[in-house]
Amino acid sequence: MRRILIPLHLLAAIRAHGESSYPEESAGFLLGTGEGIKRVRTVLAPANARTGDRTTRYLIKPEDYLQAEATAEDSGHSLIGVFHSHPDQPDRPSEYDRERALPNLSYVITEVDLGRAVGSRCWLLTDDRSSFLEETIDT
């Protein structure tokens, strides 16, 4: 079974970010360690840079990825995943999410219904990029 450890206070921060961005999607980075069980040590939440409809899409600028990787490296960690919210949609990846996912990164998706986070699940893209496998979130 695939697992990821996200301390409760960081999972709460991810969910709060989704709530504060509602009805738009929010997004951010998971920084931590990936040897054995993945362990999230901190989260970063850049602004959704998407122009146009942000209720069903988010965009993280390339320079935000570079900054996240630099921040991770400076703290002795790695960029191990991305989180985003699904306003009024289930906490599972869409086809759009699959087409844009990067291998080896964990994807935490938080379902935000009517402004309230109601659940979060984590996903890992399969090697053949055809689907996702769920990673159990431990707190």
Foldseek 3Di string as FASTA:
>chain_A
DAAAEEPPVQVVVLQVQCLVPPLFKWKWFFKAADDPHHYGDHIDTDGFPDPDGRNADGDDDPVRVVVVQVVNVVVVIGGAAMEMEHEVDDQFDDPVCLVPDDARHKYKYFYAYPSGTDDIWIWGQDPVSPGTDTHHYHD
